[in-house]
Amino acid sequence: MNKRKLDNHEIWEKLEKGRQHKAAVGGYAGYGSPAFGKKAVNGELVNHPQEQQVIELIRRHHKSGKSLQQIANWLNQKGYKTKRGQQWQRISIKRVLDRLYGKNS
């Protein structure tokens, strides 16, 4: 048999096509850990109940007029952590709100 070795670009393309196909049929294609509020279960993204509760707290504080930094400070004071166990930062709050309201930034 004359099998040729795939180069890195070909490997990347093959993996990318597989991820795109999985995402197209509703599966979790897996680029790192799922966003805050979600978890992967058997290749599917599902809500993470405890993280969904934190998202609701973030939404409520934001709707009440608190700044991103004020929300982060409040979560940190109450002992809430990010998905990776870190303290909340302004940018982390912004990312949660952007996903919640469907913004791409």
PDB file of N, CA and C in Angstrom:
ATOM      1  N   MET A   1       0.843  -1.182   0.000  1.00  0.00           N
ATOM      2  CA  MET A   1       0.000   0.000   0.000  1.00  0.00           C
ATOM      3  C   MET A   1       0.881   1.236   0.000  1.00  0.00           C
ATOM      4  N   ASN A   2       0.421   2.217  -0.703  1.00  0.00           N
ATOM      5  CA  ASN A   2       1.163   3.469  -0.786  1.00  0.00           C
ATOM      6  C   ASN A   2       0.380   4.563  -0.073  1.00  0.00           C
ATOM      7  N   LYS A   3       0.499   4.577   1.256  1.00  0.00           N
ATOM      8  CA  LYS A   3      -0.195   5.611   2.038  1.00  0.00           C
ATOM      9  C   LYS A   3       0.741   6.788   2.210  1.00  0.00           C
ATOM     10  N   ARG A   4       0.260   7.972   1.876  1.00  0.00           N
ATOM     11  CA  ARG A   4       1.090   9.149   2.089  1.00  0.00           C
ATOM     12  C   ARG A   4       0.753   9.768   3.434  1.00  0.00           C
ATOM     13  N   LYS A   5       1.711  10.406   3.990  1.00  0.00           N
ATOM     14  CA  LYS A   5       1.536  11.036   5.289  1.00  0.00           C
ATOM     15  C   LYS A   5       0.835  12.387   5.099  1.00  0.00           C
ATOM     16  N   LEU A   6      -0.180  12.658   5.934  1.00  0.00           N
ATOM     17  CA  LEU A   6      -0.884  13.938   5.873  1.00  0.00           C
ATOM     18  C   LEU A   6      -0.020  15.012   6.509  1.00  0.00           C
ATOM     19  N   ASP A   7      -0.009  16.192   5.900  1.00  0.00           N
ATOM     20  CA  ASP A   7       0.713  17.296   6.536  1.00  0.00           C
ATOM     21  C   ASP A   7      -0.208  17.986   7.545  1.00  0.00           C
ATOM     22  N   ASN A   8       0.340  18.886   8.331  1.00  0.00           N
ATOM     23  CA  ASN A   8      -0.425  19.546   9.393  1.00  0.00           C
ATOM     24  C   ASN A   8      -1.658  20.267   8.865  1.00  0.00           C
ATOM     25  N   HIS A   9      -1.528  20.910   7.717  1.00  0.00           N
ATOM     26  CA  HIS A   9      -2.664  21.636   7.148  1.00  0.00           C
ATOM     27  C   HIS A   9      -3.798  20.673   6.785  1.00  0.00           C
ATOM     28  N   GLU A  10      -3.447  19.539   6.206  1.00  0.00           N
ATOM     29  CA  GLU A  10      -4.471  18.551   5.837  1.00  0.00           C
ATOM     30  C   GLU A  10      -5.154  17.966   7.073  1.00  0.00           C
ATOM     31  N   ILE A  11      -4.366  17.731   8.116  1.00  0.00           N
ATOM     32  CA  ILE A  11      -4.932  17.227   9.371  1.00  0.00           C
ATOM     33  C   ILE A  11      -5.897  18.254   9.951  1.00  0.00           C
ATOM     34  N   TRP A  12      -5.470  19.519   9.984  1.00  0.00           N
ATOM     35  CA  TRP A  12      -6.316  20.585  10.512  1.00  0.00           C
ATOM     36  C   TRP A  12      -7.619  20.665   9.722  1.00  0.00           C
ATOM     37  N   GLU A  13      -7.527  20.603   8.380  1.00  0.00           N
ATOM     38  CA  GLU A  13      -8.732  20.672   7.547  1.00  0.00           C
ATOM     39  C   GLU A  13      -9.677  19.510   7.829  1.00  0.00           C
ATOM     40  N   LYS A  14      -9.124  18.321   7.982  1.00  0.00           N
ATOM     41  CA  LYS A  14      -9.947  17.144   8.246  1.00  0.00           C
ATOM     42  C   LYS A  14     -10.661  17.278   9.596  1.00  0.00           C
ATOM     43  N   LEU A  15      -9.939  17.710  10.618  1.00  0.00           N
ATOM     44  CA  LEU A  15     -10.547  17.920  11.929  1.00  0.00           C
ATOM     45  C   LEU A  15     -11.608  19.009  11.882  1.00  0.00           C
ATOM     46  N   GLU A  16     -11.313  20.097  11.182  1.00  0.00           N
ATOM     47  CA  GLU A  16     -12.253  21.210  11.078  1.00  0.00           C
ATOM     48  C   GLU A  16     -13.548  20.774  10.389  1.00  0.00           C
ATOM     49  N   LYS A  17     -13.432  19.995   9.328  1.00  0.00           N
ATOM     50  CA  LYS A  17     -14.625  19.492   8.639  1.00  0.00           C
ATOM     51  C   LYS A  17     -15.460  18.609   9.567  1.00  0.00           C
ATOM     52  N   GLY A  18     -14.794  17.797  10.371  1.00  0.00           N
ATOM     53  CA  GLY A  18     -15.500  16.954  11.330  1.00  0.00           C
ATOM     54  C   GLY A  18     -16.229  17.782  12.372  1.00  0.00           C
ATOM     55  N   ARG A  19     -15.570  18.820  12.882  1.00  0.00           N
ATOM     56  CA  ARG A  19     -16.211  19.711  13.866  1.00  0.00           C
ATOM     57  C   ARG A  19     -17.416  20.426  13.251  1.00  0.00           C
ATOM     58  N   GLN A  20     -17.250  20.911  12.030  1.00  0.00           N
ATOM     59  CA  GLN A  20     -18.341  21.617  11.358  1.00  0.00           C
ATOM     60  C   GLN A  20     -19.532  20.683  11.147  1.00  0.00           C
ATOM     61  N   HIS A  21     -19.257  19.447  10.757  1.00  0.00           N
ATOM     62  CA  HIS A  21     -20.340  18.482  10.551  1.00  0.00           C
ATOM     63  C   HIS A  21     -21.064  18.208  11.867  1.00  0.00           C
ATOM     64  N   LYS A  22     -20.294  17.982  12.931  1.00  0.00           N
ATOM     65  CA  LYS A  22     -20.908  17.697  14.227  1.00  0.00           C
ATOM     66  C   LYS A  22     -21.777  18.873  14.672  1.00  0.00           C
ATOM     67  N   ALA A  23     -21.271  20.097  14.518  1.00  0.00           N
ATOM     68  CA  ALA A  23     -22.037  21.280  14.894  1.00  0.00           C
ATOM     69  C   ALA A  23     -23.291  21.408  14.026  1.00  0.00           C
ATOM     70  N   ALA A  24     -23.176  21.076  12.755  1.00  0.00           N
ATOM     71  CA  ALA A  24     -24.314  21.197  11.838  1.00  0.00           C
ATOM     72  C   ALA A  24     -25.448  20.259  12.210  1.00  0.00           C
ATOM     73  N   VAL A  25     -25.117  19.133  12.805  1.00  0.00           N
ATOM     74  CA  VAL A  25     -26.166  18.189  13.194  1.00  0.00           C
ATOM     75  C   VAL A  25     -26.544  18.340  14.660  1.00  0.00           C
ATOM     76  N   GLY A  26     -26.073  19.444  15.288  1.00  0.00           N
ATOM     77  CA  GLY A  26     -26.515  19.767  16.636  1.00  0.00           C
ATOM     78  C   GLY A  26     -25.609  19.314  17.759  1.00  0.00           C
ATOM     79  N   GLY A  27     -24.466  18.751  17.450  1.00  0.00           N
ATOM     80  CA  GLY A  27     -23.553  18.299  18.492  1.00  0.00           C
ATOM     81  C   GLY A  27     -22.593  19.384  18.932  1.00  0.00           C
ATOM     82  N   TYR A  28     -21.892  19.130  20.027  1.00  0.00           N
ATOM     83  CA  TYR A  28     -20.881  20.053  20.519  1.00  0.00           C
ATOM     84  C   TYR A  28     -19.568  19.732  19.830  1.00  0.00           C
ATOM     85  N   ALA A  29     -19.059  20.681  19.052  1.00  0.00           N
ATOM     86  CA  ALA A  29     -17.859  20.447  18.259  1.00  0.00           C
ATOM     87  C   ALA A  29     -16.575  20.596  19.069  1.00  0.00           C
ATOM     88  N   GLY A  30     -16.648  21.198  20.229  1.00  0.00           N
ATOM     89  CA  GLY A  30     -15.537  21.219  21.162  1.00  0.00           C
ATOM     90  C   GLY A  30     -14.341  22.062  20.817  1.00  0.00           C
ATOM     91  N   TYR A  31     -14.418  23.335  21.033  1.00  0.00           N
ATOM     92  CA  TYR A  31     -13.260  24.220  20.977  1.00  0.00           C
ATOM     93  C   TYR A  31     -13.019  24.680  22.403  1.00  0.00           C
ATOM     94  N   GLY A  32     -12.335  23.912  23.197  1.00  0.00           N
ATOM     95  CA  GLY A  32     -12.143  24.270  24.597  1.00  0.00           C
ATOM     96  C   GLY A  32     -13.397  23.977  25.393  1.00  0.00           C
ATOM     97  N   SER A  33     -13.445  24.563  26.581  1.00  0.00           N
ATOM     98  CA  SER A  33     -14.605  24.303  27.426  1.00  0.00           C
ATOM     99  C   SER A  33     -15.807  25.109  26.936  1.00  0.00           C
ATOM    100  N   PRO A  34     -16.994  24.592  27.154  1.00  0.00           N
ATOM    101  CA  PRO A  34     -18.193  25.314  26.739  1.00  0.00           C
ATOM    102  C   PRO A  34     -18.305  26.658  27.467  1.00  0.00           C
ATOM    103  N   ALA A  35     -19.060  27.553  26.901  1.00  0.00           N
ATOM    104  CA  ALA A  35     -19.272  28.870  27.496  1.00  0.00           C
ATOM    105  C   ALA A  35     -19.906  28.737  28.873  1.00  0.00           C
ATOM    106  N   PHE A  36     -19.715  29.764  29.696  1.00  0.00           N
ATOM    107  CA  PHE A  36     -20.315  29.772  31.021  1.00  0.00           C
ATOM    108  C   PHE A  36     -21.823  29.596  30.885  1.00  0.00           C
ATOM    109  N   GLY A  37     -22.366  28.687  31.666  1.00  0.00           N
ATOM    110  CA  GLY A  37     -23.796  28.405  31.614  1.00  0.00           C
ATOM    111  C   GLY A  37     -24.130  27.127  30.867  1.00  0.00           C
ATOM    112  N   LYS A  38     -23.133  26.557  30.189  1.00  0.00           N
ATOM    113  CA  LYS A  38     -23.333  25.324  29.420  1.00  0.00           C
ATOM    114  C   LYS A  38     -22.316  24.276  29.855  1.00  0.00           C
ATOM    115  N   LYS A  39     -22.650  23.012  29.582  1.00  0.00           N
ATOM    116  CA  LYS A  39     -21.702  21.922  29.778  1.00  0.00           C
ATOM    117  C   LYS A  39     -21.948  20.891  28.684  1.00  0.00           C
ATOM    118  N   ALA A  40     -20.914  20.123  28.379  1.00  0.00           N
ATOM    119  CA  ALA A  40     -21.025  19.077  27.370  1.00  0.00           C
ATOM    120  C   ALA A  40     -21.376  17.762  28.061  1.00  0.00           C
ATOM    121  N   VAL A  41     -22.434  17.123  27.572  1.00  0.00           N
ATOM    122  CA  VAL A  41     -22.849  15.819  28.079  1.00  0.00           C
ATOM    123  C   VAL A  41     -23.064  14.911  26.873  1.00  0.00           C
ATOM    124  N   ASN A  42     -22.251  13.878  26.777  1.00  0.00           N
ATOM    125  CA  ASN A  42     -22.346  12.934  25.652  1.00  0.00           C
ATOM    126  C   ASN A  42     -22.305  13.649  24.303  1.00  0.00           C
ATOM    127  N   GLY A  43     -21.411  14.626  24.178  1.00  0.00           N
ATOM    128  CA  GLY A  43     -21.244  15.331  22.908  1.00  0.00           C
ATOM    129  C   GLY A  43     -22.296  16.370  22.602  1.00  0.00           C
ATOM    130  N   GLU A  44     -23.161  16.660  23.555  1.00  0.00           N
ATOM    131  CA  GLU A  44     -24.207  17.670  23.353  1.00  0.00           C
ATOM    132  C   GLU A  44     -24.056  18.761  24.393  1.00  0.00           C
ATOM    133  N   LEU A  45     -24.365  20.003  24.019  1.00  0.00           N
ATOM    134  CA  LEU A  45     -24.353  21.101  24.972  1.00  0.00           C
ATOM    135  C   LEU A  45     -25.694  21.174  25.683  1.00  0.00           C
ATOM    136  N   VAL A  46     -25.615  21.225  27.005  1.00  0.00           N
ATOM    137  CA  VAL A  46     -26.825  21.359  27.823  1.00  0.00           C
ATOM    138  C   VAL A  46     -26.591  22.455  28.854  1.00  0.00           C
ATOM    139  N   ASN A  47     -27.672  22.971  29.416  1.00  0.00           N
ATOM    140  CA  ASN A  47     -27.546  23.999  30.442  1.00  0.00           C
ATOM    141  C   ASN A  47     -26.883  23.440  31.691  1.00  0.00           C
ATOM    142  N   HIS A  48     -26.045  24.255  32.299  1.00  0.00           N
ATOM    143  CA  HIS A  48     -25.405  23.936  33.580  1.00  0.00           C
ATOM    144  C   HIS A  48     -26.227  24.687  34.629  1.00  0.00           C
ATOM    145  N   PRO A  49     -27.049  23.986  35.420  1.00  0.00           N
ATOM    146  CA  PRO A  49     -28.015  24.659  36.301  1.00  0.00           C
ATOM    147  C   PRO A  49     -27.422  25.716  37.233  1.00  0.00           C
ATOM    148  N   GLN A  50     -26.308  25.412  37.911  1.00  0.00           N
ATOM    149  CA  GLN A  50     -25.730  26.390  38.837  1.00  0.00           C
ATOM    150  C   GLN A  50     -25.208  27.618  38.094  1.00  0.00           C
ATOM    151  N   GLU A  51     -24.581  27.401  36.949  1.00  0.00           N
ATOM    152  CA  GLU A  51     -24.079  28.524  36.165  1.00  0.00           C
ATOM    153  C   GLU A  51     -25.227  29.337  35.578  1.00  0.00           C
ATOM    154  N   GLN A  52     -26.334  28.682  35.225  1.00  0.00           N
ATOM    155  CA  GLN A  52     -27.498  29.406  34.731  1.00  0.00           C
ATOM    156  C   GLN A  52     -28.050  30.337  35.812  1.00  0.00           C
ATOM    157  N   GLN A  53     -27.978  29.907  37.070  1.00  0.00           N
ATOM    158  CA  GLN A  53     -28.421  30.773  38.168  1.00  0.00           C
ATOM    159  C   GLN A  53     -27.538  32.011  38.275  1.00  0.00           C
ATOM    160  N   VAL A  54     -26.234  31.854  38.083  1.00  0.00           N
ATOM    161  CA  VAL A  54     -25.319  33.000  38.123  1.00  0.00           C
ATOM    162  C   VAL A  54     -25.611  33.933  36.953  1.00  0.00           C
ATOM    163  N   ILE A  55     -25.889  33.382  35.783  1.00  0.00           N
ATOM    164  CA  ILE A  55     -26.235  34.213  34.622  1.00  0.00           C
ATOM    165  C   ILE A  55     -27.480  35.034  34.923  1.00  0.00           C
ATOM    166  N   GLU A  56     -28.452  34.431  35.581  1.00  0.00           N
ATOM    167  CA  GLU A  56     -29.665  35.164  35.940  1.00  0.00           C
ATOM    168  C   GLU A  56     -29.341  36.299  36.919  1.00  0.00           C
ATOM    169  N   LEU A  57     -28.444  36.059  37.865  1.00  0.00           N
ATOM    170  CA  LEU A  57     -28.021  37.125  38.784  1.00  0.00           C
ATOM    171  C   LEU A  57     -27.347  38.260  38.015  1.00  0.00           C
ATOM    172  N   ILE A  58     -26.480  37.899  37.069  1.00  0.00           N
ATOM    173  CA  ILE A  58     -25.794  38.905  36.250  1.00  0.00           C
ATOM    174  C   ILE A  58     -26.816  39.719  35.473  1.00  0.00           C
ATOM    175  N   ARG A  59     -27.789  39.040  34.865  1.00  0.00           N
ATOM    176  CA  ARG A  59     -28.825  39.730  34.080  1.00  0.00           C
ATOM    177  C   ARG A  59     -29.602  40.706  34.954  1.00  0.00           C
ATOM    178  N   ARG A  60     -30.001  40.266  36.122  1.00  0.00           N
ATOM    179  CA  ARG A  60     -30.785  41.124  37.026  1.00  0.00           C
ATOM    180  C   ARG A  60     -29.994  42.359  37.461  1.00  0.00           C
ATOM    181  N   HIS A  61     -28.743  42.148  37.836  1.00  0.00           N
ATOM    182  CA  HIS A  61     -27.914  43.282  38.258  1.00  0.00           C
ATOM    183  C   HIS A  61     -27.690  44.255  37.105  1.00  0.00           C
ATOM    184  N   HIS A  62     -27.496  43.711  35.913  1.00  0.00           N
ATOM    185  CA  HIS A  62     -27.291  44.566  34.743  1.00  0.00           C
ATOM    186  C   HIS A  62     -28.553  45.381  34.449  1.00  0.00           C
ATOM    187  N   LYS A  63     -29.703  44.712  34.503  1.00  0.00           N
ATOM    188  CA  LYS A  63     -30.983  45.406  34.249  1.00  0.00           C
ATOM    189  C   LYS A  63     -31.259  46.482  35.290  1.00  0.00           C
ATOM    190  N   SER A  64     -30.729  46.309  36.502  1.00  0.00           N
ATOM    191  CA  SER A  64     -30.958  47.308  37.551  1.00  0.00           C
ATOM    192  C   SER A  64     -30.020  48.504  37.424  1.00  0.00           C
ATOM    193  N   GLY A  65     -29.123  48.454  36.427  1.00  0.00           N
ATOM    194  CA  GLY A  65     -28.264  49.605  36.166  1.00  0.00           C
ATOM    195  C   GLY A  65     -26.849  49.510  36.711  1.00  0.00           C
ATOM    196  N   LYS A  66     -26.497  48.386  37.293  1.00  0.00           N
ATOM    197  CA  LYS A  66     -25.137  48.240  37.816  1.00  0.00           C
ATOM    198  C   LYS A  66     -24.142  48.133  36.660  1.00  0.00           C
ATOM    199  N   SER A  67     -22.946  48.665  36.897  1.00  0.00           N
ATOM    200  CA  SER A  67     -21.882  48.581  35.888  1.00  0.00           C
ATOM    201  C   SER A  67     -21.320  47.159  35.860  1.00  0.00           C
ATOM    202  N   LEU A  68     -20.589  46.865  34.813  1.00  0.00           N
ATOM    203  CA  LEU A  68     -19.970  45.552  34.696  1.00  0.00           C
ATOM    204  C   LEU A  68     -19.039  45.290  35.877  1.00  0.00           C
ATOM    205  N   GLN A  69     -18.265  46.315  36.264  1.00  0.00           N
ATOM    206  CA  GLN A  69     -17.346  46.158  37.386  1.00  0.00           C
ATOM    207  C   GLN A  69     -18.095  45.953  38.695  1.00  0.00           C
ATOM    208  N   GLN A  70     -19.194  46.667  38.883  1.00  0.00           N
ATOM    209  CA  GLN A  70     -19.991  46.484  40.102  1.00  0.00           C
ATOM    210  C   GLN A  70     -20.546  45.066  40.191  1.00  0.00           C
ATOM    211  N   ILE A  71     -20.970  44.529  39.052  1.00  0.00           N
ATOM    212  CA  ILE A  71     -21.486  43.156  39.036  1.00  0.00           C
ATOM    213  C   ILE A  71     -20.366  42.178  39.375  1.00  0.00           C
ATOM    214  N   ALA A  72     -19.201  42.364  38.765  1.00  0.00           N
ATOM    215  CA  ALA A  72     -18.061  41.486  39.046  1.00  0.00           C
ATOM    216  C   ALA A  72     -17.688  41.554  40.524  1.00  0.00           C
ATOM    217  N   ASN A  73     -17.638  42.753  41.069  1.00  0.00           N
ATOM    218  CA  ASN A  73     -17.299  42.917  42.489  1.00  0.00           C
ATOM    219  C   ASN A  73     -18.308  42.197  43.378  1.00  0.00           C
ATOM    220  N   TRP A  74     -19.593  42.339  43.066  1.00  0.00           N
ATOM    221  CA  TRP A  74     -20.645  41.704  43.859  1.00  0.00           C
ATOM    222  C   TRP A  74     -20.500  40.180  43.824  1.00  0.00           C
ATOM    223  N   LEU A  75     -20.307  39.618  42.612  1.00  0.00           N
ATOM    224  CA  LEU A  75     -20.151  38.163  42.495  1.00  0.00           C
ATOM    225  C   LEU A  75     -18.942  37.683  43.293  1.00  0.00           C
ATOM    226  N   ASN A  76     -17.840  38.427  43.207  1.00  0.00           N
ATOM    227  CA  ASN A  76     -16.633  38.050  43.945  1.00  0.00           C
ATOM    228  C   ASN A  76     -16.852  38.119  45.452  1.00  0.00           C
ATOM    229  N   GLN A  77     -17.550  39.148  45.907  1.00  0.00           N
ATOM    230  CA  GLN A  77     -17.837  39.282  47.340  1.00  0.00           C
ATOM    231  C   GLN A  77     -18.695  38.133  47.850  1.00  0.00           C
ATOM    232  N   LYS A  78     -19.576  37.644  46.994  1.00  0.00           N
ATOM    233  CA  LYS A  78     -20.475  36.547  47.374  1.00  0.00           C
ATOM    234  C   LYS A  78     -19.826  35.169  47.179  1.00  0.00           C
ATOM    235  N   GLY A  79     -18.613  35.138  46.642  1.00  0.00           N
ATOM    236  CA  GLY A  79     -17.892  33.873  46.492  1.00  0.00           C
ATOM    237  C   GLY A  79     -18.148  33.122  45.198  1.00  0.00           C
ATOM    238  N   TYR A  80     -18.831  33.743  44.244  1.00  0.00           N
ATOM    239  CA  TYR A  80     -19.052  33.092  42.951  1.00  0.00           C
ATOM    240  C   TYR A  80     -17.759  33.105  42.148  1.00  0.00           C
ATOM    241  N   LYS A  81     -17.514  32.026  41.402  1.00  0.00           N
ATOM    242  CA  LYS A  81     -16.316  31.900  40.576  1.00  0.00           C
ATOM    243  C   LYS A  81     -16.705  31.672  39.120  1.00  0.00           C
ATOM    244  N   THR A  82     -15.766  31.971  38.235  1.00  0.00           N
ATOM    245  CA  THR A  82     -15.971  31.690  36.814  1.00  0.00           C
ATOM    246  C   THR A  82     -15.874  30.184  36.591  1.00  0.00           C
ATOM    247  N   LYS A  83     -16.116  29.761  35.367  1.00  0.00           N
ATOM    248  CA  LYS A  83     -16.040  28.335  35.022  1.00  0.00           C
ATOM    249  C   LYS A  83     -14.682  27.751  35.391  1.00  0.00           C
ATOM    250  N   ARG A  84     -13.634  28.535  35.261  1.00  0.00           N
ATOM    251  CA  ARG A  84     -12.279  28.054  35.555  1.00  0.00           C
ATOM    252  C   ARG A  84     -11.845  28.322  36.995  1.00  0.00           C
ATOM    253  N   GLY A  85     -12.806  28.711  37.835  1.00  0.00           N
ATOM    254  CA  GLY A  85     -12.504  28.900  39.248  1.00  0.00           C
ATOM    255  C   GLY A  85     -11.805  30.204  39.592  1.00  0.00           C
ATOM    256  N   GLN A  86     -11.888  31.171  38.680  1.00  0.00           N
ATOM    257  CA  GLN A  86     -11.241  32.464  38.884  1.00  0.00           C
ATOM    258  C   GLN A  86     -12.246  33.494  39.399  1.00  0.00           C
ATOM    259  N   GLN A  87     -11.703  34.618  39.846  1.00  0.00           N
ATOM    260  CA  GLN A  87     -12.578  35.724  40.226  1.00  0.00           C
ATOM    261  C   GLN A  87     -13.142  36.367  38.959  1.00  0.00           C
ATOM    262  N   TRP A  88     -14.308  36.969  39.111  1.00  0.00           N
ATOM    263  CA  TRP A  88     -14.961  37.643  37.997  1.00  0.00           C
ATOM    264  C   TRP A  88     -14.265  38.957  37.690  1.00  0.00           C
ATOM    265  N   GLN A  89     -14.178  39.251  36.399  1.00  0.00           N
ATOM    266  CA  GLN A  89     -13.633  40.510  35.901  1.00  0.00           C
ATOM    267  C   GLN A  89     -14.718  41.191  35.059  1.00  0.00           C
ATOM    268  N   ARG A  90     -14.548  42.453  34.830  1.00  0.00           N
ATOM    269  CA  ARG A  90     -15.492  43.208  34.005  1.00  0.00           C
ATOM    270  C   ARG A  90     -15.703  42.533  32.647  1.00  0.00           C
ATOM    271  N   ILE A  91     -14.598  42.108  31.997  1.00  0.00           N
ATOM    272  CA  ILE A  91     -14.696  41.505  30.667  1.00  0.00           C
ATOM    273  C   ILE A  91     -15.454  40.174  30.716  1.00  0.00           C
ATOM    274  N   SER A  92     -15.323  39.439  31.819  1.00  0.00           N
ATOM    275  CA  SER A  92     -16.062  38.171  31.953  1.00  0.00           C
ATOM    276  C   SER A  92     -17.560  38.427  31.988  1.00  0.00           C
ATOM    277  N   ILE A  93     -17.954  39.464  32.701  1.00  0.00           N
ATOM    278  CA  ILE A  93     -19.369  39.840  32.776  1.00  0.00           C
ATOM    279  C   ILE A  93     -19.862  40.260  31.396  1.00  0.00           C
ATOM    280  N   LYS A  94     -19.058  41.045  30.688  1.00  0.00           N
ATOM    281  CA  LYS A  94     -19.430  41.496  29.338  1.00  0.00           C
ATOM    282  C   LYS A  94     -19.653  40.304  28.412  1.00  0.00           C
ATOM    283  N   ARG A  95     -18.788  39.326  28.478  1.00  0.00           N
ATOM    284  CA  ARG A  95     -18.920  38.144  27.612  1.00  0.00           C
ATOM    285  C   ARG A  95     -20.196  37.366  27.921  1.00  0.00           C
ATOM    286  N   VAL A  96     -20.507  37.223  29.196  1.00  0.00           N
ATOM    287  CA  VAL A  96     -21.750  36.527  29.573  1.00  0.00           C
ATOM    288  C   VAL A  96     -22.951  37.289  29.023  1.00  0.00           C
ATOM    289  N   LEU A  97     -22.963  38.607  29.198  1.00  0.00           N
ATOM    290  CA  LEU A  97     -24.086  39.417  28.713  1.00  0.00           C
ATOM    291  C   LEU A  97     -24.161  39.410  27.190  1.00  0.00           C
ATOM    292  N   ASP A  98     -23.020  39.467  26.522  1.00  0.00           N
ATOM    293  CA  ASP A  98     -23.025  39.414  25.054  1.00  0.00           C
ATOM    294  C   ASP A  98     -23.639  38.114  24.554  1.00  0.00           C
ATOM    295  N   ARG A  99     -23.280  36.993  25.171  1.00  0.00           N
ATOM    296  CA  ARG A  99     -23.873  35.707  24.767  1.00  0.00           C
ATOM    297  C   ARG A  99     -25.364  35.682  25.108  1.00  0.00           C
ATOM    298  N   LEU A 100     -25.708  36.219  26.266  1.00  0.00           N
ATOM    299  CA  LEU A 100     -27.097  36.222  26.694  1.00  0.00           C
ATOM    300  C   LEU A 100     -27.976  37.018  25.726  1.00  0.00           C
ATOM    301  N   TYR A 101     -27.464  38.138  25.261  1.00  0.00           N
ATOM    302  CA  TYR A 101     -28.251  38.997  24.377  1.00  0.00           C
ATOM    303  C   TYR A 101     -27.916  38.807  22.898  1.00  0.00           C
ATOM    304  N   GLY A 102     -27.131  37.769  22.588  1.00  0.00           N
ATOM    305  CA  GLY A 102     -26.878  37.415  21.191  1.00  0.00           C
ATOM    306  C   GLY A 102     -25.928  38.314  20.447  1.00  0.00           C
ATOM    307  N   LYS A 103     -24.987  38.936  21.147  1.00  0.00           N
ATOM    308  CA  LYS A 103     -23.994  39.772  20.470  1.00  0.00           C
ATOM    309  C   LYS A 103     -22.758  38.939  20.195  1.00  0.00           C
ATOM    310  N   ASN A 104     -22.075  39.249  19.110  1.00  0.00           N
ATOM    311  CA  ASN A 104     -20.898  38.487  18.721  1.00  0.00           C
ATOM    312  C   ASN A 104     -19.603  39.043  19.261  1.00  0.00           C
ATOM    313  N   SER A 105     -19.627  40.205  19.864  1.00  0.00           N
ATOM    314  CA  SER A 105     -18.368  40.810  20.303  1.00  0.00           C
ATOM    315  C   SER A 105     -17.889  40.239  21.605  1.00  0.00           C
TER     316      SER A 105
END
